[in-house]
Amino acid sequence: WIHSMIEDQVRNHPIDGVMWCNERNSPLDTLIQGGAPGDFSEPARKEAAERGIDVERCRQALLHLYDFMQEAAAGKQFPDGPLITFLRVLLDNPEALIWEKFWLERNKDLDRELYGLVKWCKPELPFGLNVWNRNHFNPIRRAQWPWTEQTLYADFVKPITYQHQAGEVWSRELSFFRTTILRDFEPDEATRALFRILGLNEAPFAELVATGMDPDSYVHGQCADALRGVDGKAKVYMGIGVDAPRTLPETAKCSRDIVYRSVLATYRAGGHGVVLAPNYASMHLTHLDGVAQALDELGQK
């Protein structure tokens, strides 16, 4: 169905390009969020067996990890703490990583297939990837989605940096880890450590939701990271948040100044352009004026 939808759009409509959004949770990602890992459907099991994977051993390994995550979330005390215990359970059950890798490759296969389909229909039509902000907020996902690999099946990438919403997104991401493997860390303590690992330099945790992330550090930094990663093999169009959804009343609100500085930060970092997101219907025109002002100053209009 997805193949046919993309082919129809490419062949029968005068579009300028295709941007594919792939936002799915892997088995390990799902476990950390408190869910049951998958996909053990019959097609997945059949393909895994064809690749020489022992499906049942992988399933049992993930069940051990699931039991640990449930115990950690329920507050069980571990002699060595939840982080060391998690690593021990993972090392005792390496088949869980085999299934994680299998799932990840199948997920990326769809990206590759769609890239090939677009190029088969119209070789000159650009195909790009909408890159989840969780990929730069989660160290596991960041390791799993290297920029250089994505250039093999994308002409451009669009990192999501919805700056005013980013504090809320970070808070939710951190809560997954603090429920289980980072349960012993205070929010600001965990934030500072993870920021250092991920190369982020933003407000303290207590202020982050209300202030969002600063365009001059966050948007600029993520654009620079992406450019280093793609190394000239793909273009980088930054996903600038304009009135992205807020699910908490204290979440920072978008403004003309935030949008204006985000566009300037993109071009200052060397980005090739911007994509205004996530939904035009929800954007305030006065905030879009910030885009126009920035592009005018940059001579891009």
Protein backbone atom coordinates (compact mmCIF):
# COMPACT_ATOMS: atom_id res chain seq x y z
CA TRP A 1 0.00 0.00 0.00
CA ILE A 2 2.79 2.45 0.90
CA HIS A 3 4.65 1.64 -2.32
CA SER A 4 1.54 2.21 -4.42
CA MET A 5 0.75 5.48 -2.64
CA ILE A 6 4.24 6.88 -3.25
CA GLU A 7 4.31 5.69 -6.85
CA ASP A 8 0.96 7.34 -7.55
CA GLN A 9 2.14 10.65 -6.08
CA VAL A 10 5.37 10.59 -8.08
CA ARG A 11 3.94 9.48 -11.41
CA ASN A 12 0.66 11.36 -11.47
CA HIS A 13 1.19 14.63 -9.65
CA PRO A 14 3.51 17.61 -10.35
CA ILE A 15 5.35 17.42 -7.02
CA ASP A 16 8.81 18.87 -6.39
CA GLY A 17 10.03 15.98 -4.26
CA VAL A 18 9.17 13.39 -1.63
CA MET A 19 9.92 13.60 2.09
CA TRP A 20 9.33 10.35 3.96
CA CYS A 21 8.63 10.32 7.69
CA ASN A 22 9.71 7.17 9.54
CA GLU A 23 8.89 7.47 13.25
CA ARG A 24 8.67 3.99 14.75
CA ASN A 25 9.76 2.49 18.04
CA SER A 26 12.18 -0.43 17.95
CA PRO A 27 11.84 -3.38 20.38
CA LEU A 28 14.43 -1.91 22.77
CA ASP A 29 12.88 1.54 22.47
CA THR A 30 9.48 0.06 23.26
CA LEU A 31 10.86 -1.80 26.27
CA ILE A 32 12.36 1.36 27.75
CA GLN A 33 9.00 3.08 27.31
CA GLY A 34 7.31 0.30 29.27
CA GLY A 35 5.73 -1.61 26.40
CA ALA A 36 6.01 -5.15 25.09
CA PRO A 37 8.53 -5.50 22.24
CA GLY A 38 7.67 -6.74 18.74
CA ASP A 39 7.31 -7.54 15.92
CA PHE A 40 6.73 -11.30 16.21
CA SER A 41 4.08 -11.53 13.52
CA GLU A 42 4.19 -14.53 11.19
CA PRO A 43 5.81 -12.60 8.29
CA ALA A 44 8.49 -11.24 10.63
CA ARG A 45 9.20 -14.66 12.13
CA LYS A 46 9.42 -16.21 8.65
CA GLU A 47 11.85 -13.59 7.38
CA ALA A 48 13.97 -13.86 10.53
CA ALA A 49 14.19 -17.64 10.16
CA GLU A 50 15.24 -17.21 6.53
CA ARG A 51 18.08 -14.99 7.77
CA GLY A 52 19.21 -17.71 10.15
CA ILE A 53 17.88 -16.07 13.32
CA ASP A 54 16.65 -18.24 16.18
CA VAL A 55 13.33 -16.48 16.73
CA GLU A 56 12.38 -18.26 19.95
CA ARG A 57 15.70 -17.48 21.64
CA CYS A 58 15.27 -13.83 20.68
CA ARG A 59 11.75 -13.83 22.04
CA GLN A 60 12.85 -15.35 25.34
CA ALA A 61 15.70 -12.84 25.63
CA LEU A 62 13.30 -9.94 25.16
CA LEU A 63 10.95 -11.44 27.74
CA HIS A 64 13.78 -11.34 30.29
CA LEU A 65 14.36 -7.68 29.48
CA TYR A 66 10.64 -7.00 29.64
CA ASP A 67 10.44 -8.56 33.11
CA PHE A 68 13.34 -6.39 34.27
CA MET A 69 11.77 -3.21 32.89
CA GLN A 70 8.47 -3.96 34.57
CA GLU A 71 10.21 -4.61 37.88
CA ALA A 72 12.27 -1.43 37.58
CA ALA A 73 9.19 0.64 36.77
CA ALA A 74 7.41 -0.89 39.77
CA GLY A 75 10.20 0.30 42.07
CA LYS A 76 11.98 -2.97 42.79
CA GLN A 77 15.34 -2.45 44.47
CA PHE A 78 18.37 -4.01 42.79
CA PRO A 79 21.64 -4.63 44.70
CA ASP A 80 23.67 -2.98 41.91
CA GLY A 81 21.07 -0.42 40.90
CA PRO A 82 18.84 -0.43 37.80
CA LEU A 83 21.44 0.70 35.24
CA ILE A 84 24.01 -2.00 36.06
CA THR A 85 21.26 -4.59 36.37
CA PHE A 86 19.90 -3.61 32.96
CA LEU A 87 23.33 -4.02 31.39
CA ARG A 88 23.73 -7.40 33.10
CA VAL A 89 20.37 -8.66 31.84
CA LEU A 90 21.17 -7.38 28.35
CA LEU A 91 24.60 -9.05 28.31
CA ASP A 92 23.08 -12.28 29.59
CA ASN A 93 20.54 -12.16 26.77
CA PRO A 94 22.41 -10.94 23.67
CA GLU A 95 19.76 -12.40 21.39
CA ALA A 96 17.68 -9.35 22.27
CA LEU A 97 20.16 -7.24 20.32
CA ILE A 98 19.95 -9.65 17.38
CA TRP A 99 16.21 -9.02 17.20
CA GLU A 100 16.74 -5.29 17.68
CA LYS A 101 19.14 -5.26 14.73
CA PHE A 102 16.77 -7.36 12.63
CA TRP A 103 13.86 -5.03 13.36
CA LEU A 104 15.96 -1.96 12.63
CA GLU A 105 17.17 -3.28 9.29
CA ARG A 106 13.62 -4.16 8.23
CA ASN A 107 12.52 -0.67 9.22
CA LYS A 108 15.30 0.97 7.21
CA ASP A 109 14.54 -1.34 4.28
CA LEU A 110 11.32 0.57 3.70
CA ASP A 111 13.24 3.85 3.48
CA ARG A 112 15.60 2.26 0.95
CA GLU A 113 12.75 0.77 -1.06
CA LEU A 114 10.92 4.08 -1.29
CA TYR A 115 14.10 5.87 -2.35
CA GLY A 116 14.60 3.29 -5.09
CA LEU A 117 10.96 3.50 -6.14
CA VAL A 118 11.07 7.28 -6.50
CA LYS A 119 14.30 7.12 -8.50
CA TRP A 120 12.86 4.39 -10.72
CA CYS A 121 9.80 6.53 -11.49
CA LYS A 122 11.61 9.88 -11.80
CA PRO A 123 15.39 9.75 -11.32
CA GLU A 124 15.65 13.53 -11.02
CA LEU A 125 13.04 13.87 -8.25
CA PRO A 126 14.60 14.51 -4.80
CA PHE A 127 13.82 12.04 -2.03
CA GLY A 128 14.46 13.00 1.58
CA LEU A 129 14.00 11.79 5.13
CA ASN A 130 12.14 13.55 7.90
CA VAL A 131 14.39 12.76 10.88
CA TRP A 132 12.70 12.37 14.27
CA ASN A 133 13.90 14.69 17.03
CA ARG A 134 14.08 11.63 19.27
CA ASN A 135 17.12 10.63 17.20
CA HIS A 136 19.12 13.45 18.77
CA PHE A 137 17.45 13.23 22.20
CA ASN A 138 18.02 9.50 22.72
CA PRO A 139 21.59 8.09 22.77
CA ILE A 140 20.44 4.66 21.61
CA ARG A 141 18.52 6.03 18.65
CA ARG A 142 21.38 8.37 17.80
CA ALA A 143 23.72 5.39 17.58
CA GLN A 144 21.23 3.52 15.41
CA TRP A 145 20.64 6.25 12.84
CA PRO A 146 24.01 7.62 11.67
CA TRP A 147 23.81 10.46 9.17
CA THR A 148 26.34 8.93 6.81
CA GLU A 149 24.17 5.83 6.36
CA GLN A 150 21.10 7.90 5.55
CA THR A 151 22.91 9.59 2.67
CA LEU A 152 22.91 6.22 0.89
CA TYR A 153 19.16 6.49 0.36
CA ALA A 154 18.30 10.18 0.68
CA ASP A 155 19.05 13.30 -1.33
CA PHE A 156 18.26 15.49 1.67
CA VAL A 157 17.49 15.19 5.37
CA LYS A 158 15.18 17.30 7.50
CA PRO A 159 16.11 17.15 11.19
CA ILE A 160 13.13 18.07 13.36
CA THR A 161 14.02 20.97 15.66
CA TYR A 162 10.72 22.30 16.94
CA GLN A 163 12.51 24.64 19.31
CA HIS A 164 9.65 25.97 21.46
CA GLN A 165 8.26 22.45 21.88
CA ALA A 166 11.66 20.82 22.43
CA GLY A 167 11.72 21.14 26.22
CA GLU A 168 8.47 19.22 26.48
CA VAL A 169 9.75 16.55 24.10
CA TRP A 170 12.97 16.24 26.09
CA SER A 171 11.05 15.93 29.36
CA ARG A 172 8.99 13.08 27.93
CA GLU A 173 12.06 11.33 26.52
CA LEU A 174 13.89 11.61 29.82
CA SER A 175 10.89 10.22 31.69
CA PHE A 176 11.21 6.93 29.78
CA PHE A 177 14.75 6.44 31.08
CA ARG A 178 14.03 7.76 34.58
CA THR A 179 11.21 5.28 35.03
CA THR A 180 13.61 2.37 34.57
CA ILE A 181 17.36 2.35 33.91
CA LEU A 182 18.09 5.93 35.10
CA ARG A 183 15.62 5.75 37.97
CA ASP A 184 18.28 6.73 40.54
CA PHE A 185 19.10 10.02 38.79
CA GLU A 186 17.39 13.31 39.53
CA PRO A 187 15.97 14.98 36.40
CA ASP A 188 18.55 17.77 36.21
CA GLU A 189 21.38 15.36 37.01
CA ALA A 190 20.33 13.02 34.20
CA THR A 191 19.73 15.94 31.84
CA ARG A 192 23.19 17.39 32.36
CA ALA A 193 24.84 14.00 31.79
CA LEU A 194 22.83 13.21 28.67
CA PHE A 195 23.26 16.72 27.28
CA ARG A 196 27.02 16.25 27.56
CA ILE A 197 26.81 12.90 25.76
CA LEU A 198 24.50 14.23 23.04
CA GLY A 199 26.28 17.54 22.53
CA LEU A 200 23.38 19.69 23.74
CA ASN A 201 23.80 22.91 25.71
CA GLU A 202 20.43 24.12 26.90
CA ALA A 203 18.64 25.42 29.98
CA PRO A 204 18.50 23.43 33.25
CA PHE A 205 15.77 20.81 33.39
CA ALA A 206 13.58 22.85 35.72
CA GLU A 207 13.38 25.65 33.14
CA LEU A 208 13.45 23.63 29.95
CA VAL A 209 9.75 23.04 29.33
CA ALA A 210 8.83 26.67 29.92
CA THR A 211 11.70 28.12 27.89
CA GLY A 212 12.07 25.54 25.14
CA MET A 213 15.44 25.26 23.45
CA ASP A 214 17.33 28.26 22.16
CA PRO A 215 17.44 28.55 18.35
CA ASP A 216 20.99 29.92 18.47
CA SER A 217 22.29 26.82 20.22
CA TYR A 218 19.75 24.09 19.46
CA VAL A 219 18.81 24.71 15.82
CA HIS A 220 22.31 25.88 14.95
CA GLY A 221 23.90 22.93 16.75
CA GLN A 222 21.68 20.28 15.19
CA CYS A 223 22.19 21.78 11.74
CA ALA A 224 25.96 21.76 12.21
CA ASP A 225 25.84 18.15 13.47
CA ALA A 226 23.81 17.04 10.46
CA LEU A 227 26.11 18.81 8.03
CA ARG A 228 29.15 17.13 9.55
CA GLY A 229 27.37 13.80 9.40
CA VAL A 230 26.22 13.92 5.78
CA ASP A 231 29.62 15.30 4.76
CA GLY A 232 28.37 16.87 1.55
CA LYS A 233 26.54 13.74 0.37
CA ALA A 234 23.05 15.12 1.09
CA LYS A 235 21.46 18.49 1.65
CA VAL A 236 20.24 19.57 5.08
CA TYR A 237 16.91 21.38 5.37
CA MET A 238 16.13 22.16 8.99
CA GLY A 239 12.65 21.42 10.27
CA ILE A 240 11.69 24.70 11.95
CA GLY A 241 8.78 24.48 14.35
CA VAL A 242 6.09 27.07 13.79
CA ASP A 243 3.34 26.64 16.38
CA ALA A 244 4.09 22.96 16.95
CA PRO A 245 1.53 21.27 19.25
CA ARG A 246 1.82 21.90 22.99
CA THR A 247 0.38 19.26 25.31
CA LEU A 248 1.40 20.94 28.57
CA PRO A 249 0.10 24.38 29.61
CA GLU A 250 3.59 25.42 30.73
CA THR A 251 5.25 24.53 27.42
CA ALA A 252 6.93 27.49 25.74
CA LYS A 253 4.87 29.23 23.08
CA CYS A 254 6.08 29.93 19.60
CA SER A 255 6.84 33.52 18.63
CA ARG A 256 7.93 35.52 15.64
CA ASP A 257 11.35 36.02 17.25
CA ILE A 258 11.86 32.27 17.81
CA VAL A 259 11.04 31.52 14.18
CA TYR A 260 13.16 34.42 12.94
CA ARG A 261 16.22 33.32 14.93
CA SER A 262 15.74 29.68 13.91
CA VAL A 263 15.94 30.54 10.22
CA LEU A 264 19.01 32.71 10.78
CA ALA A 265 20.64 29.96 12.86
CA THR A 266 20.09 27.44 10.06
CA TYR A 267 21.84 29.52 7.44
CA ARG A 268 24.56 30.63 9.84
CA ALA A 269 25.38 26.95 10.42
CA GLY A 270 25.54 26.34 6.67
CA GLY A 271 22.16 24.66 6.16
CA HIS A 272 20.72 24.50 2.65
CA GLY A 273 17.26 25.68 3.63
CA VAL A 274 14.33 25.29 6.00
CA VAL A 275 11.08 23.34 6.12
CA LEU A 276 8.35 25.02 8.14
CA ALA A 277 6.51 22.42 10.18
CA PRO A 278 4.56 20.58 11.33
CA ASN A 279 1.27 21.91 9.92
CA TYR A 280 0.55 25.08 7.98
CA ALA A 281 -3.07 25.10 9.15
CA SER A 282 -1.95 25.66 12.76
CA MET A 283 0.63 28.37 12.03
CA HIS A 284 0.05 31.97 13.03
CA LEU A 285 0.74 34.29 10.11
CA THR A 286 2.45 36.76 12.42
CA HIS A 287 4.95 34.04 13.34
CA LEU A 288 5.56 33.30 9.66
CA ASP A 289 6.48 36.96 9.30
CA GLY A 290 9.63 36.03 11.21
CA VAL A 291 10.58 33.67 8.37
CA ALA A 292 10.02 36.39 5.80
CA GLN A 293 12.11 38.86 7.79
CA ALA A 294 15.00 36.41 8.15
CA LEU A 295 14.97 35.40 4.49
CA ASP A 296 14.83 39.04 3.45
CA GLU A 297 17.86 39.86 5.59
CA LEU A 298 19.68 36.85 4.18
CA GLY A 299 18.86 37.83 0.61
CA GLN A 300 17.00 34.54 0.08
CA LYS A 301 13.62 35.97 -0.98
